[in-house]
PDB file of N, CA and C in Angstrom:
ATOM      1  N   MET A   1     210.399 -32.750 107.446  1.00  0.00           N
ATOM      2  CA  MET A   1     210.938 -31.485 106.961  1.00  0.00           C
ATOM      3  C   MET A   1     212.304 -31.762 106.326  1.00  0.00           C
ATOM      4  N   SER A   2     212.461 -31.346 105.085  1.00  0.00           N
ATOM      5  CA  SER A   2     213.718 -31.524 104.365  1.00  0.00           C
ATOM      6  C   SER A   2     214.402 -30.177 104.172  1.00  0.00           C
ATOM      7  N   GLU A   3     215.717 -30.198 104.218  1.00  0.00           N
ATOM      8  CA  GLU A   3     216.518 -29.016 103.926  1.00  0.00           C
ATOM      9  C   GLU A   3     217.294 -29.257 102.643  1.00  0.00           C
ATOM     10  N   ILE A   4     217.339 -28.213 101.808  1.00  0.00           N
ATOM     11  CA  ILE A   4     218.051 -28.305 100.533  1.00  0.00           C
ATOM     12  C   ILE A   4     219.156 -27.269 100.519  1.00  0.00           C
ATOM     13  N   ARG A   5     220.354 -27.740 100.218  1.00  0.00           N
ATOM     14  CA  ARG A   5     221.531 -26.881 100.107  1.00  0.00           C
ATOM     15  C   ARG A   5     222.157 -27.108  98.735  1.00  0.00           C
ATOM     16  N   PHE A   6     222.891 -26.109  98.278  1.00  0.00           N
ATOM     17  CA  PHE A   6     223.599 -26.194  97.006  1.00  0.00           C
ATOM     18  C   PHE A   6     225.078 -25.967  97.242  1.00  0.00           C
ATOM     19  N   SER A   7     225.901 -26.835  96.649  1.00  0.00           N
ATOM     20  CA  SER A   7     227.354 -26.694  96.731  1.00  0.00           C
ATOM     21  C   SER A   7     227.897 -26.367  95.349  1.00  0.00           C
ATOM     22  N   ASN A   8     228.706 -25.335  95.289  1.00  0.00           N
ATOM     23  CA  ASN A   8     229.331 -24.940  94.033  1.00  0.00           C
ATOM     24  C   ASN A   8     230.682 -25.633  93.924  1.00  0.00           C
ATOM     25  N   GLU A   9     230.755 -26.632  93.067  1.00  0.00           N
ATOM     26  CA  GLU A   9     231.987 -27.376  92.854  1.00  0.00           C
ATOM     27  C   GLU A   9     232.604 -27.031  91.505  1.00  0.00           C
ATOM     28  N   THR A  10     232.355 -25.801  91.056  1.00  0.00           N
ATOM     29  CA  THR A  10     232.948 -25.309  89.811  1.00  0.00           C
ATOM     30  C   THR A  10     233.980 -24.238  90.162  1.00  0.00           C
ATOM     31  N   SER A  11     234.625 -23.701  89.128  1.00  0.00           N
ATOM     32  CA  SER A  11     235.618 -22.642  89.348  1.00  0.00           C
ATOM     33  C   SER A  11     235.027 -21.252  89.128  1.00  0.00           C
ATOM     34  N   SER A  12     233.725 -21.164  88.898  1.00  0.00           N
ATOM     35  CA  SER A  12     233.047 -19.882  88.665  1.00  0.00           C
ATOM     36  C   SER A  12     231.955 -19.660  89.704  1.00  0.00           C
ATOM     37  N   THR A  13     231.598 -18.406  89.931  1.00  0.00           N
ATOM     38  CA  THR A  13     230.458 -18.077  90.790  1.00  0.00           C
ATOM     39  C   THR A  13     229.185 -18.627  90.158  1.00  0.00           C
ATOM     40  N   VAL A  14     228.288 -19.144  90.995  1.00  0.00           N
ATOM     41  CA  VAL A  14     227.023 -19.723  90.537  1.00  0.00           C
ATOM     42  C   VAL A  14     225.874 -19.002  91.245  1.00  0.00           C
ATOM     43  N   TRP A  15     224.761 -18.800  90.525  1.00  0.00           N
ATOM     44  CA  TRP A  15     223.529 -18.249  91.088  1.00  0.00           C
ATOM     45  C   TRP A  15     222.446 -19.308  90.966  1.00  0.00           C
ATOM     46  N   VAL A  16     221.644 -19.479  92.027  1.00  0.00           N
ATOM     47  CA  VAL A  16     220.621 -20.524  92.072  1.00  0.00           C
ATOM     48  C   VAL A  16     219.258 -19.905  92.378  1.00  0.00           C
ATOM     49  N   ALA A  17     218.230 -20.405  91.686  1.00  0.00           N
ATOM     50  CA  ALA A  17     216.837 -20.064  91.960  1.00  0.00           C
ATOM     51  C   ALA A  17     216.090 -21.366  92.214  1.00  0.00           C
ATOM     52  N   VAL A  18     215.045 -21.318  93.053  1.00  0.00           N
ATOM     53  CA  VAL A  18     214.288 -22.519  93.389  1.00  0.00           C
ATOM     54  C   VAL A  18     212.787 -22.301  93.202  1.00  0.00           C
ATOM     55  N   MET A  19     212.096 -23.412  93.057  1.00  0.00           N
ATOM     56  CA  MET A  19     210.635 -23.446  93.028  1.00  0.00           C
ATOM     57  C   MET A  19     210.216 -24.474  94.085  1.00  0.00           C
ATOM     58  N   PHE A  20     209.199 -24.136  94.891  1.00  0.00           N
ATOM     59  CA  PHE A  20     208.819 -24.990  96.006  1.00  0.00           C
ATOM     60  C   PHE A  20     207.318 -24.914  96.229  1.00  0.00           C
ATOM     61  N   HIS A  21     206.742 -25.977  96.770  1.00  0.00           N
ATOM     62  CA  HIS A  21     205.313 -26.034  97.022  1.00  0.00           C
ATOM     63  C   HIS A  21     204.961 -25.033  98.113  1.00  0.00           C
ATOM     64  N   SER A  22     204.009 -24.149  97.833  1.00  0.00           N
ATOM     65  CA  SER A  22     203.601 -23.102  98.768  1.00  0.00           C
ATOM     66  C   SER A  22     202.091 -22.882  98.648  1.00  0.00           C
ATOM     67  N   PRO A  23     201.287 -23.866  99.084  1.00  0.00           N
ATOM     68  CA  PRO A  23     199.841 -23.772  98.888  1.00  0.00           C
ATOM     69  C   PRO A  23     199.186 -22.613  99.626  1.00  0.00           C
ATOM     70  N   ASP A  24     199.755 -22.171 100.726  1.00  0.00           N
ATOM     71  CA  ASP A  24     199.182 -21.039 101.456  1.00  0.00           C
ATOM     72  C   ASP A  24     199.626 -19.715 100.853  1.00  0.00           C
ATOM     73  N   GLY A  25     200.910 -19.525 100.685  1.00  0.00           N
ATOM     74  CA  GLY A  25     201.448 -18.260 100.192  1.00  0.00           C
ATOM     75  C   GLY A  25     201.124 -17.971  98.737  1.00  0.00           C
ATOM     76  N   CYS A  26     200.936 -19.029  97.948  1.00  0.00           N
ATOM     77  CA  CYS A  26     200.678 -18.848  96.510  1.00  0.00           C
ATOM     78  C   CYS A  26     199.363 -19.500  96.082  1.00  0.00           C
ATOM     79  N   ALA A  27     198.393 -19.529  96.967  1.00  0.00           N
ATOM     80  CA  ALA A  27     197.124 -20.223  96.718  1.00  0.00           C
ATOM     81  C   ALA A  27     196.469 -19.808  95.400  1.00  0.00           C
ATOM     82  N   SER A  28     196.447 -18.522  95.107  1.00  0.00           N
ATOM     83  CA  SER A  28     195.779 -18.036  93.899  1.00  0.00           C
ATOM     84  C   SER A  28     196.709 -17.972  92.696  1.00  0.00           C
ATOM     85  N   TYR A  29     197.969 -18.358  92.882  1.00  0.00           N
ATOM     86  CA  TYR A  29     198.962 -18.196  91.817  1.00  0.00           C
ATOM     87  C   TYR A  29     199.715 -19.482  91.523  1.00  0.00           C
ATOM     88  N   GLY A  30     199.019 -20.607  91.522  1.00  0.00           N
ATOM     89  CA  GLY A  30     199.624 -21.860  91.112  1.00  0.00           C
ATOM     90  C   GLY A  30     200.145 -22.739  92.232  1.00  0.00           C
ATOM     91  N   LYS A  31     200.087 -22.274  93.473  1.00  0.00           N
ATOM     92  CA  LYS A  31     200.475 -23.040  94.662  1.00  0.00           C
ATOM     93  C   LYS A  31     201.957 -23.397  94.739  1.00  0.00           C
ATOM     94  N   TRP A  32     202.769 -22.785  93.885  1.00  0.00           N
ATOM     95  CA  TRP A  32     204.220 -23.013  93.928  1.00  0.00           C
ATOM     96  C   TRP A  32     204.921 -21.666  94.013  1.00  0.00           C
ATOM     97  N   GLY A  33     205.822 -21.557  94.987  1.00  0.00           N
ATOM     98  CA  GLY A  33     206.610 -20.342  95.150  1.00  0.00           C
ATOM     99  C   GLY A  33     207.894 -20.410  94.358  1.00  0.00           C
ATOM    100  N   THR A  34     208.447 -19.249  94.063  1.00  0.00           N
ATOM    101  CA  THR A  34     209.743 -19.147  93.387  1.00  0.00           C
ATOM    102  C   THR A  34     210.604 -18.151  94.162  1.00  0.00           C
ATOM    103  N   ARG A  35     211.881 -18.423  94.201  1.00  0.00           N
ATOM    104  CA  ARG A  35     212.772 -17.560  94.973  1.00  0.00           C
ATOM    105  C   ARG A  35     214.182 -17.646  94.393  1.00  0.00           C
ATOM    106  N   GLY A  36     214.873 -16.534  94.388  1.00  0.00           N
ATOM    107  CA  GLY A  36     216.267 -16.513  93.916  1.00  0.00           C
ATOM    108  C   GLY A  36     216.862 -15.153  94.191  1.00  0.00           C
ATOM    109  N   TRP A  37     218.005 -14.896  94.096  1.00  0.00           N
ATOM    110  CA  TRP A  37     219.112 -15.731  93.713  1.00  0.00           C
ATOM    111  C   TRP A  37     220.057 -15.939  94.882  1.00  0.00           C
ATOM    112  N   TRP A  38     220.586 -17.126  95.015  1.00  0.00           N
ATOM    113  CA  TRP A  38     221.673 -17.369  95.950  1.00  0.00           C
ATOM    114  C   TRP A  38     222.954 -17.294  95.154  1.00  0.00           C
ATOM    115  N   ARG A  39     223.842 -16.432  95.575  1.00  0.00           N
ATOM    116  CA  ARG A  39     225.155 -16.309  94.940  1.00  0.00           C
ATOM    117  C   ARG A  39     226.101 -17.223  95.715  1.00  0.00           C
ATOM    118  N   ILE A  40     226.688 -18.196  95.007  1.00  0.00           N
ATOM    119  CA  ILE A  40     227.545 -19.181  95.663  1.00  0.00           C
ATOM    120  C   ILE A  40     228.922 -19.152  95.005  1.00  0.00           C
ATOM    121  N   GLU A  41     229.901 -18.786  95.779  1.00  0.00           N
ATOM    122  CA  GLU A  41     231.278 -18.721  95.280  1.00  0.00           C
ATOM    123  C   GLU A  41     231.842 -20.132  95.113  1.00  0.00           C
ATOM    124  N   PRO A  42     232.878 -20.304  94.287  1.00  0.00           N
ATOM    125  CA  PRO A  42     233.493 -21.631  94.122  1.00  0.00           C
ATOM    126  C   PRO A  42     233.893 -22.232  95.471  1.00  0.00           C
ATOM    127  N   GLY A  43     233.528 -23.477  95.682  1.00  0.00           N
ATOM    128  CA  GLY A  43     233.860 -24.183  96.906  1.00  0.00           C
ATOM    129  C   GLY A  43     232.902 -23.943  98.066  1.00  0.00           C
ATOM    130  N   ALA A  44     231.941 -23.053  97.896  1.00  0.00           N
ATOM    131  CA  ALA A  44     231.019 -22.712  98.990  1.00  0.00           C
ATOM    132  C   ALA A  44     229.707 -23.488  98.865  1.00  0.00           C
ATOM    133  N   THR A  45     228.963 -23.521  99.972  1.00  0.00           N
ATOM    134  CA  THR A  45     227.650 -24.151 100.036  1.00  0.00           C
ATOM    135  C   THR A  45     226.657 -23.140 100.591  1.00  0.00           C
ATOM    136  N   ALA A  46     225.429 -23.144 100.055  1.00  0.00           N
ATOM    137  CA  ALA A  46     224.390 -22.223 100.524  1.00  0.00           C
ATOM    138  C   ALA A  46     223.123 -22.997 100.867  1.00  0.00           C
ATOM    139  N   PHE A  47     222.507 -22.643 102.000  1.00  0.00           N
ATOM    140  CA  PHE A  47     221.197 -23.175 102.366  1.00  0.00           C
ATOM    141  C   PHE A  47     220.153 -22.410 101.570  1.00  0.00           C
ATOM    142  N   ALA A  48     219.235 -23.134 100.913  1.00  0.00           N
ATOM    143  CA  ALA A  48     218.231 -22.471 100.088  1.00  0.00           C
ATOM    144  C   ALA A  48     216.803 -22.679 100.563  1.00  0.00           C
ATOM    145  N   LEU A  49     216.490 -23.833 101.119  1.00  0.00           N
ATOM    146  CA  LEU A  49     215.079 -24.129 101.310  1.00  0.00           C
ATOM    147  C   LEU A  49     214.863 -25.180 102.393  1.00  0.00           C
ATOM    148  N   ARG A  50     213.808 -24.983 103.150  1.00  0.00           N
ATOM    149  CA  ARG A  50     213.288 -25.984 104.085  1.00  0.00           C
ATOM    150  C   ARG A  50     211.852 -26.237 103.643  1.00  0.00           C
ATOM    151  N   THR A  51     211.494 -27.493 103.419  1.00  0.00           N
ATOM    152  CA  THR A  51     210.168 -27.801 102.874  1.00  0.00           C
ATOM    153  C   THR A  51     209.596 -29.076 103.469  1.00  0.00           C
ATOM    154  N   ASN A  52     208.269 -29.115 103.569  1.00  0.00           N
ATOM    155  CA  ASN A  52     207.559 -30.323 103.969  1.00  0.00           C
ATOM    156  C   ASN A  52     207.150 -31.147 102.762  1.00  0.00           C
ATOM    157  N   ASN A  53     207.283 -30.586 101.566  1.00  0.00           N
ATOM    158  CA  ASN A  53     206.892 -31.276 100.344  1.00  0.00           C
ATOM    159  C   ASN A  53     208.063 -32.106  99.835  1.00  0.00           C
ATOM    160  N   ARG A  54     207.750 -33.240  99.282  1.00  0.00           N
ATOM    161  CA  ARG A  54     208.800 -34.128  98.761  1.00  0.00           C
ATOM    162  C   ARG A  54     209.525 -33.522  97.563  1.00  0.00           C
ATOM    163  N   TYR A  55     208.831 -32.668  96.807  1.00  0.00           N
ATOM    164  CA  TYR A  55     209.395 -32.159  95.556  1.00  0.00           C
ATOM    165  C   TYR A  55     209.673 -30.662  95.608  1.00  0.00           C
ATOM    166  N   ALA A  56     210.703 -30.271  94.899  1.00  0.00           N
ATOM    167  CA  ALA A  56     211.052 -28.878  94.648  1.00  0.00           C
ATOM    168  C   ALA A  56     211.771 -28.894  93.303  1.00  0.00           C
ATOM    169  N   ALA A  57     212.247 -27.743  92.861  1.00  0.00           N
ATOM    170  CA  ALA A  57     212.992 -27.684  91.603  1.00  0.00           C
ATOM    171  C   ALA A  57     213.976 -26.528  91.676  1.00  0.00           C
ATOM    172  N   TYR A  58     214.990 -26.571  90.805  1.00  0.00           N
ATOM    173  CA  TYR A  58     215.980 -25.493  90.792  1.00  0.00           C
ATOM    174  C   TYR A  58     216.490 -25.223  89.388  1.00  0.00           C
ATOM    175  N   TYR A  59     217.009 -24.036  89.239  1.00  0.00           N
ATOM    176  CA  TYR A  59     217.715 -23.599  88.042  1.00  0.00           C
ATOM    177  C   TYR A  59     218.965 -22.895  88.542  1.00  0.00           C
ATOM    178  N   ALA A  60     220.085 -23.130  87.882  1.00  0.00           N
ATOM    179  CA  ALA A  60     221.321 -22.453  88.271  1.00  0.00           C
ATOM    180  C   ALA A  60     222.068 -22.028  87.018  1.00  0.00           C
ATOM    181  N   GLU A  61     222.838 -20.963  87.168  1.00  0.00           N
ATOM    182  CA  GLU A  61     223.696 -20.506  86.073  1.00  0.00           C
ATOM    183  C   GLU A  61     224.999 -19.993  86.669  1.00  0.00           C
ATOM    184  N   SER A  62     226.073 -20.163  85.910  1.00  0.00           N
ATOM    185  CA  SER A  62     227.386 -19.749  86.401  1.00  0.00           C
ATOM    186  C   SER A  62     227.884 -18.536  85.625  1.00  0.00           C
ATOM    187  N   ALA A  63     228.866 -17.872  86.206  1.00  0.00           N
ATOM    188  CA  ALA A  63     229.481 -16.720  85.554  1.00  0.00           C
ATOM    189  C   ALA A  63     230.149 -17.125  84.248  1.00  0.00           C
ATOM    190  N   SER A  64     230.507 -18.399  84.108  1.00  0.00           N
ATOM    191  CA  SER A  64     231.154 -18.875  82.881  1.00  0.00           C
ATOM    192  C   SER A  64     230.143 -19.248  81.799  1.00  0.00           C
ATOM    193  N   GLY A  65     228.827 -19.176  82.125  1.00  0.00           N
ATOM    194  CA  GLY A  65     227.794 -19.447  81.131  1.00  0.00           C
ATOM    195  C   GLY A  65     227.138 -20.808  81.233  1.00  0.00           C
ATOM    196  N   LYS A  66     227.617 -21.680  82.098  1.00  0.00           N
ATOM    197  CA  LYS A  66     226.991 -22.992  82.269  1.00  0.00           C
ATOM    198  C   LYS A  66     225.651 -22.824  82.973  1.00  0.00           C
ATOM    199  N   THR A  67     224.668 -23.643  82.574  1.00  0.00           N
ATOM    200  CA  THR A  67     223.369 -23.640  83.238  1.00  0.00           C
ATOM    201  C   THR A  67     222.994 -25.063  83.651  1.00  0.00           C
ATOM    202  N   TRP A  68     222.200 -25.138  84.707  1.00  0.00           N
ATOM    203  CA  TRP A  68     221.612 -26.386  85.171  1.00  0.00           C
ATOM    204  C   TRP A  68     220.111 -26.172  85.100  1.00  0.00           C
ATOM    205  N   SER A  69     219.442 -26.869  84.184  1.00  0.00           N
ATOM    206  CA  SER A  69     218.005 -26.693  84.004  1.00  0.00           C
ATOM    207  C   SER A  69     217.362 -28.058  83.803  1.00  0.00           C
ATOM    208  N   GLY A  70     216.053 -28.061  83.635  1.00  0.00           N
ATOM    209  CA  GLY A  70     215.340 -29.319  83.466  1.00  0.00           C
ATOM    210  C   GLY A  70     214.060 -29.122  82.703  1.00  0.00           C
ATOM    211  N   ASP A  71     213.068 -29.955  82.999  1.00  0.00           N
ATOM    212  CA  ASP A  71     211.819 -29.933  82.241  1.00  0.00           C
ATOM    213  C   ASP A  71     210.634 -29.356  83.007  1.00  0.00           C
ATOM    214  N   ARG A  72     210.885 -28.675  84.137  1.00  0.00           N
ATOM    215  CA  ARG A  72     209.809 -28.052  84.902  1.00  0.00           C
ATOM    216  C   ARG A  72     209.744 -26.569  84.569  1.00  0.00           C
ATOM    217  N   GLY A  73     208.642 -26.152  84.010  1.00  0.00           N
ATOM    218  CA  GLY A  73     208.522 -24.747  83.665  1.00  0.00           C
ATOM    219  C   GLY A  73     207.594 -24.555  82.480  1.00  0.00           C
ATOM    220  N   PRO A  74     207.602 -23.367  81.941  1.00  0.00           N
ATOM    221  CA  PRO A  74     208.536 -22.277  82.228  1.00  0.00           C
ATOM    222  C   PRO A  74     208.244 -21.599  83.571  1.00  0.00           C
ATOM    223  N   VAL A  75     209.314 -21.095  84.186  1.00  0.00           N
ATOM    224  CA  VAL A  75     209.251 -20.409  85.467  1.00  0.00           C
ATOM    225  C   VAL A  75     209.814 -19.001  85.276  1.00  0.00           C
ATOM    226  N   TYR A  76     209.096 -18.004  85.775  1.00  0.00           N
ATOM    227  CA  TYR A  76     209.577 -16.625  85.694  1.00  0.00           C
ATOM    228  C   TYR A  76     210.679 -16.389  86.723  1.00  0.00           C
ATOM    229  N   VAL A  77     211.796 -15.820  86.270  1.00  0.00           N
ATOM    230  CA  VAL A  77     212.872 -15.388  87.165  1.00  0.00           C
ATOM    231  C   VAL A  77     213.230 -13.951  86.808  1.00  0.00           C
ATOM    232  N   TYR A  78     213.753 -13.257  87.769  1.00  0.00           N
ATOM    233  CA  TYR A  78     214.049 -11.841  87.621  1.00  0.00           C
ATOM    234  C   TYR A  78     215.545 -11.613  87.769  1.00  0.00           C
ATOM    235  N   GLN A  79     216.047 -10.544  87.217  1.00  0.00           N
ATOM    236  CA  GLN A  79     217.470 -10.241  87.279  1.00  0.00           C
ATOM    237  C   GLN A  79     217.932 -10.030  88.722  1.00  0.00           C
ATOM    238  N   GLN A  80     217.144  -9.303  89.492  1.00  0.00           N
ATOM    239  CA  GLN A  80     217.467  -9.057  90.898  1.00  0.00           C
ATOM    240  C   GLN A  80     216.841 -10.153  91.761  1.00  0.00           C
ATOM    241  N   GLY A  81     217.190 -10.172  93.045  1.00  0.00           N
ATOM    242  CA  GLY A  81     216.597 -11.132  93.954  1.00  0.00           C
ATOM    243  C   GLY A  81     215.082 -11.075  93.911  1.00  0.00           C
ATOM    244  N   PHE A  82     214.417 -12.223  94.093  1.00  0.00           N
ATOM    245  CA  PHE A  82     212.963 -12.255  94.018  1.00  0.00           C
ATOM    246  C   PHE A  82     212.390 -13.314  94.951  1.00  0.00           C
ATOM    247  N   ASP A  83     211.144 -13.132  95.331  1.00  0.00           N
ATOM    248  CA  ASP A  83     210.363 -14.069  96.132  1.00  0.00           C
ATOM    249  C   ASP A  83     208.943 -13.939  95.600  1.00  0.00           C
ATOM    250  N   SER A  84     208.495 -14.910  94.787  1.00  0.00           N
ATOM    251  CA  SER A  84     207.259 -14.761  94.041  1.00  0.00           C
ATOM    252  C   SER A  84     206.504 -16.085  93.998  1.00  0.00           C
ATOM    253  N   CYS A  85     205.567 -16.195  93.063  1.00  0.00           N
ATOM    254  CA  CYS A  85     204.785 -17.409  92.841  1.00  0.00           C
ATOM    255  C   CYS A  85     204.859 -17.766  91.366  1.00  0.00           C
ATOM    256  N   ILE A  86     204.718 -19.048  91.055  1.00  0.00           N
ATOM    257  CA  ILE A  86     204.862 -19.516  89.679  1.00  0.00           C
ATOM    258  C   ILE A  86     203.862 -18.858  88.736  1.00  0.00           C
ATOM    259  N   GLY A  87     202.684 -18.492  89.237  1.00  0.00           N
ATOM    260  CA  GLY A  87     201.656 -17.913  88.387  1.00  0.00           C
ATOM    261  C   GLY A  87     201.727 -16.406  88.232  1.00  0.00           C
ATOM    262  N   ILE A  88     202.779 -15.777  88.745  1.00  0.00           N
ATOM    263  CA  ILE A  88     202.931 -14.328  88.622  1.00  0.00           C
ATOM    264  C   ILE A  88     204.069 -14.045  87.659  1.00  0.00           C
ATOM    265  N   GLY A  89     203.758 -13.435  86.551  1.00  0.00           N
ATOM    266  CA  GLY A  89     204.766 -13.091  85.559  1.00  0.00           C
ATOM    267  C   GLY A  89     204.852 -11.587  85.392  1.00  0.00           C
ATOM    268  N   SER A  90     205.836 -11.173  84.639  1.00  0.00           N
ATOM    269  CA  SER A  90     206.052  -9.748  84.423  1.00  0.00           C
ATOM    270  C   SER A  90     206.911  -9.571  83.189  1.00  0.00           C
ATOM    271  N   SER A  91     206.774  -8.438  82.555  1.00  0.00           N
ATOM    272  CA  SER A  91     207.641  -8.150  81.404  1.00  0.00           C
ATOM    273  C   SER A  91     209.081  -7.933  81.853  1.00  0.00           C
ATOM    274  N   ALA A  92     209.295  -7.753  83.161  1.00  0.00           N
ATOM    275  CA  ALA A  92     210.644  -7.593  83.701  1.00  0.00           C
ATOM    276  C   ALA A  92     211.330  -8.944  83.932  1.00  0.00           C
ATOM    277  N   ALA A  93     210.595 -10.039  83.712  1.00  0.00           N
ATOM    278  CA  ALA A  93     211.126 -11.378  83.978  1.00  0.00           C
ATOM    279  C   ALA A  93     211.526 -12.078  82.683  1.00  0.00           C
ATOM    280  N   ARG A  94     212.331 -13.101  82.843  1.00  0.00           N
ATOM    281  CA  ARG A  94     212.607 -14.044  81.761  1.00  0.00           C
ATOM    282  C   ARG A  94     212.157 -15.412  82.251  1.00  0.00           C
ATOM    283  N   THR A  95     212.034 -16.379  81.379  1.00  0.00           N
ATOM    284  CA  THR A  95     211.602 -17.710  81.797  1.00  0.00           C
ATOM    285  C   THR A  95     212.741 -18.705  81.660  1.00  0.00           C
ATOM    286  N   VAL A  96     212.747 -19.656  82.581  1.00  0.00           N
ATOM    287  CA  VAL A  96     213.714 -20.751  82.570  1.00  0.00           C
ATOM    288  C   VAL A  96     212.951 -22.036  82.867  1.00  0.00           C
ATOM    289  N   ASN A  97     213.574 -23.153  82.599  1.00  0.00           N
ATOM    290  CA  ASN A  97     213.043 -24.450  83.009  1.00  0.00           C
ATOM    291  C   ASN A  97     213.893 -24.963  84.158  1.00  0.00           C
ATOM    292  N   MET A  98     213.246 -25.548  85.140  1.00  0.00           N
ATOM    293  CA  MET A  98     213.932 -26.000  86.340  1.00  0.00           C
ATOM    294  C   MET A  98     214.042 -27.517  86.389  1.00  0.00           C
ATOM    295  N   ARG A  99     215.019 -27.960  87.153  1.00  0.00           N
ATOM    296  CA  ARG A  99     215.296 -29.384  87.342  1.00  0.00           C
ATOM    297  C   ARG A  99     214.607 -29.865  88.617  1.00  0.00           C
ATOM    298  N   LEU A 100     213.884 -30.979  88.519  1.00  0.00           N
ATOM    299  CA  LEU A 100     213.144 -31.528  89.651  1.00  0.00           C
ATOM    300  C   LEU A 100     214.093 -32.053  90.722  1.00  0.00           C
ATOM    301  N   ILE A 101     213.721 -31.805  91.987  1.00  0.00           N
ATOM    302  CA  ILE A 101     214.404 -32.363  93.143  1.00  0.00           C
ATOM    303  C   ILE A 101     213.401 -33.260  93.855  1.00  0.00           C
ATOM    304  N   ASP A 102     213.781 -34.489  94.148  1.00  0.00           N
ATOM    305  CA  ASP A 102     212.963 -35.396  94.945  1.00  0.00           C
ATOM    306  C   ASP A 102     213.707 -35.641  96.251  1.00  0.00           C
ATOM    307  N   THR A 103     213.250 -35.008  97.329  1.00  0.00           N
ATOM    308  CA  THR A 103     213.941 -35.152  98.606  1.00  0.00           C
ATOM    309  C   THR A 103     213.673 -36.502  99.259  1.00  0.00           C
ATOM    310  N   ASN A 104     212.543 -37.120  98.907  1.00  0.00           N
ATOM    311  CA  ASN A 104     212.123 -38.366  99.539  1.00  0.00           C
ATOM    312  C   ASN A 104     212.162 -38.232 101.066  1.00  0.00           C
ATOM    313  N   GLY A 105     211.936 -36.992 101.549  1.00  0.00           N
ATOM    314  CA  GLY A 105     211.903 -36.733 102.980  1.00  0.00           C
ATOM    315  C   GLY A 105     213.261 -36.546 103.633  1.00  0.00           C
ATOM    316  N   ASN A 106     214.322 -36.489 102.837  1.00  0.00           N
ATOM    317  CA  ASN A 106     215.684 -36.374 103.357  1.00  0.00           C
ATOM    318  C   ASN A 106     216.260 -34.987 103.128  1.00  0.00           C
ATOM    319  N   ASN A 107     217.261 -34.624 103.896  1.00  0.00           N
ATOM    320  CA  ASN A 107     218.036 -33.416 103.620  1.00  0.00           C
ATOM    321  C   ASN A 107     218.920 -33.696 102.421  1.00  0.00           C
ATOM    322  N   LEU A 108     219.063 -32.698 101.545  1.00  0.00           N
ATOM    323  CA  LEU A 108     219.868 -32.884 100.341  1.00  0.00           C
ATOM    324  C   LEU A 108     220.896 -31.760 100.191  1.00  0.00           C
ATOM    325  N   ARG A 109     222.005 -32.150  99.594  1.00  0.00           N
ATOM    326  CA  ARG A 109     222.988 -31.165  99.145  1.00  0.00           C
ATOM    327  C   ARG A 109     223.158 -31.429  97.657  1.00  0.00           C
ATOM    328  N   ILE A 110     222.727 -30.459  96.846  1.00  0.00           N
ATOM    329  CA  ILE A 110     222.839 -30.552  95.390  1.00  0.00           C
ATOM    330  C   ILE A 110     224.235 -30.063  95.015  1.00  0.00           C
ATOM    331  N   ARG A 111     224.986 -30.902  94.348  1.00  0.00           N
ATOM    332  CA  ARG A 111     226.350 -30.561  93.962  1.00  0.00           C
ATOM    333  C   ARG A 111     226.346 -30.062  92.518  1.00  0.00           C
ATOM    334  N   LEU A 112     226.683 -28.794  92.351  1.00  0.00           N
ATOM    335  CA  LEU A 112     226.763 -28.189  91.014  1.00  0.00           C
ATOM    336  C   LEU A 112     228.216 -28.352  90.538  1.00  0.00           C
ATOM    337  N   THR A 113     228.393 -29.139  89.498  1.00  0.00           N
ATOM    338  CA  THR A 113     229.736 -29.459  89.003  1.00  0.00           C
ATOM    339  C   THR A 113     229.861 -29.065  87.540  1.00  0.00           C
ATOM    340  N   ASN A 114     231.087 -29.019  87.058  1.00  0.00           N
ATOM    341  CA  ASN A 114     231.342 -28.715  85.630  1.00  0.00           C
ATOM    342  C   ASN A 114     230.801 -29.801  84.746  1.00  0.00           C
TER     343      ASN A 114
END
């Protein structure tokens, strides 16, 4: 079991969304769950996820406009907090690409920096 935390090492508030393997909860919708947003103030750390899967992904954006994205997606995210599945979309959502996390079975702290 791996735990994933995010540390905001910028001078702006950061919001984080994650994608994680969820074969039971999202069986009919792509087997990957999506969840967001964690609001993380400068200098703070937030616990986001506990997973048995080696892989997860994240997207983050700051109040100053910086984003952390990758090549996993597109993933639907919503303006308000959400807990969904990768295969469920809506006209109320926008899409982002997420950055892969490889826990290799370890606890991780993702450092979001300028």
